N, C-alpha and C. Protein backbone atom coordinates (compact mmCIF):
# COMPACT_ATOMS: atom_id res chain seq x y z
N MET A 1 41.93 -40.52 -64.69
CA MET A 1 43.05 -40.86 -63.84
C MET A 1 43.42 -39.70 -62.94
N HIS A 2 43.37 -38.50 -63.48
CA HIS A 2 43.73 -37.32 -62.70
C HIS A 2 42.78 -37.12 -61.51
N MET A 3 41.50 -37.35 -61.71
CA MET A 3 40.52 -37.18 -60.63
C MET A 3 40.71 -38.22 -59.54
N SER A 4 41.08 -39.43 -59.87
CA SER A 4 41.28 -40.44 -58.85
C SER A 4 42.52 -40.16 -58.01
N VAL A 5 43.56 -39.58 -58.63
CA VAL A 5 44.76 -39.22 -57.87
C VAL A 5 44.43 -38.08 -56.91
N LEU A 6 43.67 -37.09 -57.40
CA LEU A 6 43.27 -35.98 -56.54
C LEU A 6 42.40 -36.48 -55.40
N SER A 7 41.49 -37.37 -55.69
CA SER A 7 40.63 -37.92 -54.66
C SER A 7 41.45 -38.70 -53.63
N ALA A 8 42.44 -39.45 -54.08
CA ALA A 8 43.30 -40.20 -53.15
C ALA A 8 44.12 -39.26 -52.28
N VAL A 9 44.59 -38.16 -52.86
CA VAL A 9 45.36 -37.17 -52.10
C VAL A 9 44.45 -36.50 -51.06
N GLN A 10 43.23 -36.15 -51.45
CA GLN A 10 42.29 -35.54 -50.52
C GLN A 10 41.98 -36.48 -49.36
N ILE A 11 41.79 -37.74 -49.67
CA ILE A 11 41.51 -38.72 -48.61
C ILE A 11 42.71 -38.86 -47.69
N ALA A 12 43.91 -38.92 -48.25
CA ALA A 12 45.12 -39.05 -47.44
C ALA A 12 45.32 -37.83 -46.55
N VAL A 13 45.12 -36.64 -47.09
CA VAL A 13 45.26 -35.42 -46.30
C VAL A 13 44.19 -35.35 -45.22
N THR A 14 42.98 -35.72 -45.56
CA THR A 14 41.90 -35.72 -44.57
C THR A 14 42.20 -36.70 -43.44
N LEU A 15 42.66 -37.89 -43.78
CA LEU A 15 43.01 -38.87 -42.74
C LEU A 15 44.17 -38.39 -41.88
N ALA A 16 45.16 -37.78 -42.51
CA ALA A 16 46.30 -37.25 -41.74
C ALA A 16 45.85 -36.14 -40.79
N LEU A 17 44.99 -35.26 -41.27
CA LEU A 17 44.47 -34.19 -40.42
C LEU A 17 43.64 -34.74 -39.27
N MET A 18 42.80 -35.72 -39.56
CA MET A 18 41.99 -36.33 -38.50
C MET A 18 42.88 -37.03 -37.46
N THR A 19 43.90 -37.72 -37.92
CA THR A 19 44.83 -38.38 -36.99
C THR A 19 45.53 -37.37 -36.11
N TRP A 20 45.97 -36.28 -36.70
CA TRP A 20 46.65 -35.23 -35.94
C TRP A 20 45.72 -34.63 -34.89
N MET A 21 44.46 -34.38 -35.28
CA MET A 21 43.50 -33.79 -34.34
C MET A 21 43.17 -34.77 -33.21
N ILE A 22 43.02 -36.05 -33.53
CA ILE A 22 42.70 -37.05 -32.50
C ILE A 22 43.86 -37.21 -31.53
N THR A 23 45.08 -37.25 -32.04
CA THR A 23 46.23 -37.41 -31.14
C THR A 23 46.44 -36.18 -30.27
N GLY A 24 45.91 -35.04 -30.69
CA GLY A 24 45.99 -33.85 -29.85
C GLY A 24 45.19 -33.99 -28.58
N PHE A 25 44.19 -34.87 -28.58
CA PHE A 25 43.36 -35.09 -27.41
C PHE A 25 43.72 -36.37 -26.66
N THR A 26 44.76 -37.04 -27.06
CA THR A 26 45.14 -38.26 -26.36
C THR A 26 45.81 -37.92 -25.05
N ARG A 27 46.00 -38.92 -24.27
CA ARG A 27 46.49 -38.75 -22.91
C ARG A 27 47.94 -38.27 -22.89
N LEU A 28 48.12 -37.08 -22.36
CA LEU A 28 49.43 -36.57 -22.03
C LEU A 28 49.69 -36.91 -20.57
N PRO A 29 50.86 -36.64 -20.04
CA PRO A 29 51.07 -36.91 -18.62
C PRO A 29 50.02 -36.19 -17.77
N GLY A 30 49.42 -36.90 -16.86
CA GLY A 30 48.40 -36.30 -16.00
C GLY A 30 47.01 -36.64 -16.48
N ARG A 31 46.05 -36.38 -15.62
CA ARG A 31 44.68 -36.73 -15.92
C ARG A 31 43.94 -35.61 -16.64
N TRP A 32 44.32 -34.38 -16.38
CA TRP A 32 43.62 -33.22 -16.90
C TRP A 32 44.43 -32.56 -18.02
N LEU A 33 43.80 -31.71 -18.73
CA LEU A 33 44.45 -30.87 -19.73
C LEU A 33 45.19 -31.69 -20.77
N ARG A 34 44.51 -32.59 -21.41
CA ARG A 34 45.13 -33.49 -22.37
C ARG A 34 45.39 -32.80 -23.71
N TRP A 35 44.65 -31.75 -24.00
CA TRP A 35 44.83 -31.07 -25.26
C TRP A 35 46.09 -30.25 -25.20
N LYS A 36 46.90 -30.31 -26.24
CA LYS A 36 48.21 -29.67 -26.23
C LYS A 36 48.13 -28.16 -26.01
N MET A 37 47.01 -27.54 -26.38
CA MET A 37 46.88 -26.11 -26.17
C MET A 37 46.96 -25.75 -24.68
N PHE A 38 46.51 -26.64 -23.81
CA PHE A 38 46.48 -26.37 -22.39
C PHE A 38 47.63 -27.00 -21.62
N CYS A 39 48.58 -27.61 -22.29
CA CYS A 39 49.58 -28.41 -21.59
C CYS A 39 50.49 -27.56 -20.70
N ARG A 40 50.56 -26.26 -20.89
CA ARG A 40 51.40 -25.41 -20.05
C ARG A 40 50.59 -24.56 -19.08
N ALA A 41 49.30 -24.67 -19.13
CA ALA A 41 48.44 -23.90 -18.24
C ALA A 41 48.31 -24.60 -16.90
N THR A 42 48.12 -23.82 -15.86
CA THR A 42 47.90 -24.35 -14.52
C THR A 42 46.65 -23.68 -13.97
N PHE A 43 45.70 -24.48 -13.58
CA PHE A 43 44.44 -23.99 -13.04
C PHE A 43 44.33 -24.39 -11.58
N THR A 44 43.84 -23.50 -10.77
CA THR A 44 43.63 -23.78 -9.35
C THR A 44 42.14 -23.66 -9.05
N ILE A 45 41.61 -24.67 -8.43
CA ILE A 45 40.23 -24.65 -7.95
C ILE A 45 40.32 -24.73 -6.44
N ILE A 46 39.88 -23.68 -5.76
CA ILE A 46 40.09 -23.62 -4.31
C ILE A 46 38.91 -22.95 -3.63
N THR A 47 38.68 -23.38 -2.41
CA THR A 47 37.67 -22.79 -1.54
C THR A 47 38.41 -22.14 -0.37
N LEU A 48 38.24 -20.85 -0.20
CA LEU A 48 38.95 -20.12 0.86
C LEU A 48 37.97 -19.58 1.90
N THR A 49 38.47 -19.51 3.12
CA THR A 49 37.74 -18.90 4.23
C THR A 49 38.63 -17.84 4.83
N GLY A 50 38.11 -16.63 4.92
CA GLY A 50 38.86 -15.53 5.52
C GLY A 50 38.42 -15.29 6.95
N THR A 51 39.38 -14.98 7.82
CA THR A 51 39.09 -14.71 9.22
C THR A 51 39.50 -13.28 9.54
N LYS A 52 38.58 -12.53 10.12
CA LYS A 52 38.85 -11.16 10.55
C LYS A 52 38.18 -10.97 11.90
N ASN A 53 38.99 -10.65 12.91
CA ASN A 53 38.49 -10.43 14.28
C ASN A 53 37.68 -11.62 14.79
N GLY A 54 38.12 -12.84 14.47
CA GLY A 54 37.45 -14.04 14.95
C GLY A 54 36.25 -14.47 14.14
N ARG A 55 35.83 -13.67 13.20
CA ARG A 55 34.69 -14.03 12.35
C ARG A 55 35.20 -14.57 11.02
N THR A 56 34.56 -15.62 10.53
CA THR A 56 34.97 -16.21 9.26
C THR A 56 33.90 -15.99 8.20
N GLU A 57 34.36 -15.91 6.96
CA GLU A 57 33.46 -15.78 5.83
C GLU A 57 34.13 -16.38 4.60
N PRO A 58 33.33 -16.87 3.66
CA PRO A 58 33.92 -17.42 2.43
C PRO A 58 34.54 -16.30 1.58
N VAL A 59 35.62 -16.63 0.90
CA VAL A 59 36.32 -15.66 0.05
C VAL A 59 36.36 -16.22 -1.37
N ASN A 60 35.91 -15.42 -2.33
CA ASN A 60 36.00 -15.80 -3.73
C ASN A 60 37.26 -15.17 -4.32
N VAL A 61 38.32 -15.96 -4.39
CA VAL A 61 39.61 -15.45 -4.85
C VAL A 61 39.55 -15.03 -6.32
N TYR A 62 38.62 -15.57 -7.08
CA TYR A 62 38.52 -15.26 -8.50
C TYR A 62 38.00 -13.84 -8.73
N ASP A 63 37.39 -13.22 -7.72
CA ASP A 63 36.98 -11.83 -7.83
C ASP A 63 38.19 -10.90 -7.94
N TYR A 64 39.35 -11.36 -7.54
CA TYR A 64 40.55 -10.52 -7.51
C TYR A 64 41.44 -10.72 -8.72
N LEU A 65 41.03 -11.56 -9.67
CA LEU A 65 41.77 -11.71 -10.92
C LEU A 65 41.41 -10.57 -11.86
N SER A 66 42.29 -10.26 -12.78
CA SER A 66 42.00 -9.21 -13.75
C SER A 66 40.86 -9.68 -14.66
N PRO A 67 40.08 -8.74 -15.18
CA PRO A 67 38.94 -9.11 -16.03
C PRO A 67 39.38 -9.97 -17.22
N GLY A 68 38.64 -11.02 -17.47
CA GLY A 68 38.94 -11.92 -18.58
C GLY A 68 39.95 -13.00 -18.25
N SER A 69 40.55 -12.92 -17.08
CA SER A 69 41.54 -13.92 -16.69
C SER A 69 40.86 -15.05 -15.94
N PHE A 70 41.27 -16.26 -16.20
CA PHE A 70 40.71 -17.40 -15.49
C PHE A 70 41.78 -18.39 -15.04
N ILE A 71 43.02 -18.16 -15.44
CA ILE A 71 44.10 -19.06 -15.06
C ILE A 71 44.72 -18.55 -13.76
N LEU A 72 44.66 -19.38 -12.75
CA LEU A 72 45.17 -19.03 -11.43
C LEU A 72 46.11 -20.12 -10.97
N GLY A 73 47.39 -19.82 -10.96
CA GLY A 73 48.39 -20.77 -10.47
C GLY A 73 48.72 -20.48 -9.02
N PRO A 74 49.47 -21.36 -8.37
CA PRO A 74 49.84 -21.14 -6.97
C PRO A 74 50.56 -19.81 -6.70
N PRO A 75 51.49 -19.35 -7.56
CA PRO A 75 52.11 -18.05 -7.27
C PRO A 75 51.11 -16.89 -7.31
N GLN A 76 50.18 -16.91 -8.25
CA GLN A 76 49.16 -15.86 -8.33
C GLN A 76 48.22 -15.94 -7.13
N LEU A 77 47.89 -17.16 -6.71
CA LEU A 77 47.05 -17.34 -5.52
C LEU A 77 47.73 -16.76 -4.30
N GLN A 78 49.02 -17.02 -4.13
CA GLN A 78 49.76 -16.48 -2.99
C GLN A 78 49.80 -14.95 -3.04
N ALA A 79 49.95 -14.38 -4.24
CA ALA A 79 49.96 -12.92 -4.37
C ALA A 79 48.62 -12.31 -3.95
N ILE A 80 47.52 -12.94 -4.33
CA ILE A 80 46.20 -12.45 -3.93
C ILE A 80 46.01 -12.58 -2.42
N ILE A 81 46.45 -13.70 -1.86
CA ILE A 81 46.35 -13.89 -0.41
C ILE A 81 47.18 -12.84 0.32
N ASN A 82 48.38 -12.57 -0.17
CA ASN A 82 49.22 -11.53 0.43
C ASN A 82 48.53 -10.18 0.39
N TYR A 83 47.90 -9.86 -0.73
CA TYR A 83 47.18 -8.60 -0.86
C TYR A 83 46.04 -8.51 0.16
N LEU A 84 45.27 -9.59 0.28
CA LEU A 84 44.12 -9.58 1.19
C LEU A 84 44.54 -9.46 2.66
N THR A 85 45.66 -10.04 3.03
CA THR A 85 46.10 -9.95 4.43
C THR A 85 46.81 -8.63 4.70
N ARG A 86 47.63 -8.16 3.77
CA ARG A 86 48.36 -6.90 3.98
C ARG A 86 47.44 -5.69 3.94
N SER A 87 46.37 -5.78 3.15
CA SER A 87 45.42 -4.66 3.09
C SER A 87 44.55 -4.58 4.33
N GLY A 88 44.61 -5.61 5.18
CA GLY A 88 43.82 -5.61 6.41
C GLY A 88 42.42 -6.15 6.24
N ARG A 89 42.10 -6.62 5.06
CA ARG A 89 40.76 -7.17 4.84
C ARG A 89 40.54 -8.43 5.67
N TYR A 90 41.59 -9.27 5.80
CA TYR A 90 41.51 -10.48 6.60
C TYR A 90 42.78 -10.62 7.43
N ASP A 91 42.61 -11.23 8.61
CA ASP A 91 43.78 -11.53 9.45
C ASP A 91 44.50 -12.77 8.93
N ARG A 92 43.73 -13.73 8.45
CA ARG A 92 44.30 -14.95 7.88
C ARG A 92 43.32 -15.58 6.93
N LEU A 93 43.85 -16.41 6.04
CA LEU A 93 43.03 -17.15 5.08
C LEU A 93 43.41 -18.61 5.16
N ASP A 94 42.42 -19.47 5.04
CA ASP A 94 42.62 -20.91 5.03
C ASP A 94 41.72 -21.51 3.96
N GLY A 95 42.12 -22.66 3.45
CA GLY A 95 41.29 -23.32 2.45
C GLY A 95 41.97 -24.53 1.86
N ASN A 96 41.24 -25.19 0.96
CA ASN A 96 41.80 -26.33 0.27
C ASN A 96 41.17 -26.44 -1.11
N GLY A 97 41.85 -27.19 -1.95
CA GLY A 97 41.37 -27.38 -3.32
C GLY A 97 42.33 -28.26 -4.08
N ARG A 98 42.42 -28.01 -5.39
CA ARG A 98 43.34 -28.80 -6.21
C ARG A 98 43.90 -27.95 -7.34
N VAL A 99 45.07 -28.37 -7.80
CA VAL A 99 45.75 -27.72 -8.91
C VAL A 99 45.72 -28.68 -10.09
N LEU A 100 45.29 -28.19 -11.23
CA LEU A 100 45.23 -29.00 -12.44
C LEU A 100 46.28 -28.48 -13.42
N SER A 101 47.15 -29.37 -13.86
CA SER A 101 48.19 -28.99 -14.82
C SER A 101 48.53 -30.19 -15.68
N ALA A 102 49.49 -30.04 -16.56
CA ALA A 102 49.90 -31.15 -17.41
C ALA A 102 50.51 -32.28 -16.59
N ARG A 103 50.97 -31.99 -15.39
CA ARG A 103 51.53 -33.04 -14.52
C ARG A 103 50.45 -33.80 -13.78
N GLY A 104 49.22 -33.40 -13.95
CA GLY A 104 48.12 -34.09 -13.30
C GLY A 104 47.43 -33.21 -12.27
N GLU A 105 46.72 -33.84 -11.40
CA GLU A 105 45.95 -33.17 -10.35
C GLU A 105 46.68 -33.32 -9.04
N GLN A 106 46.88 -32.20 -8.34
CA GLN A 106 47.55 -32.21 -7.04
C GLN A 106 46.68 -31.49 -6.02
N PRO A 107 46.69 -31.95 -4.79
CA PRO A 107 45.96 -31.19 -3.75
C PRO A 107 46.73 -29.92 -3.41
N ILE A 108 45.99 -28.91 -2.99
CA ILE A 108 46.59 -27.65 -2.57
C ILE A 108 45.86 -27.20 -1.32
N GLU A 109 46.59 -26.61 -0.39
CA GLU A 109 46.00 -26.07 0.84
C GLU A 109 46.50 -24.67 1.06
N VAL A 110 45.69 -23.91 1.75
CA VAL A 110 46.13 -22.61 2.25
C VAL A 110 46.00 -22.71 3.76
N ARG A 111 47.14 -22.64 4.43
CA ARG A 111 47.19 -22.70 5.89
C ARG A 111 47.80 -21.43 6.43
N ASP A 112 47.07 -20.74 7.26
CA ASP A 112 47.55 -19.51 7.88
C ASP A 112 48.12 -18.56 6.82
N SER A 113 47.38 -18.39 5.73
CA SER A 113 47.69 -17.46 4.64
C SER A 113 48.91 -17.85 3.83
N HIS A 114 49.27 -19.11 3.81
CA HIS A 114 50.38 -19.60 3.00
C HIS A 114 49.93 -20.76 2.13
N VAL A 115 50.27 -20.71 0.85
CA VAL A 115 49.92 -21.78 -0.08
C VAL A 115 50.86 -22.96 0.15
N VAL A 116 50.26 -24.15 0.31
CA VAL A 116 51.05 -25.37 0.55
C VAL A 116 50.60 -26.38 -0.51
N LEU A 117 51.57 -26.85 -1.30
CA LEU A 117 51.26 -27.89 -2.30
C LEU A 117 51.52 -29.26 -1.73
């Protein structure tokens, strides 16, 4: 009798744990980042073009993040753009992409070195 009770408890705990893990991946508000661990993270995927003296070139904004960092939100993107224009590396930056967060996917643009959501 003791072994069957223990076995029933193990099965119940296992099922509860599986249910908890499965619901962690269910749909939260938005299309992306459904896992609760990422629900407060904001990711930006963007393609930028820098202009200097009339010449344009692609800019990899992720090169300017600190080592090991991969989360880039709109405020951090604007800070990097400000750095690139104030340092004289580019006269202006333009681009487009999307922001992924718990609220879903939103388009993002950079027009004349300003982030526009």
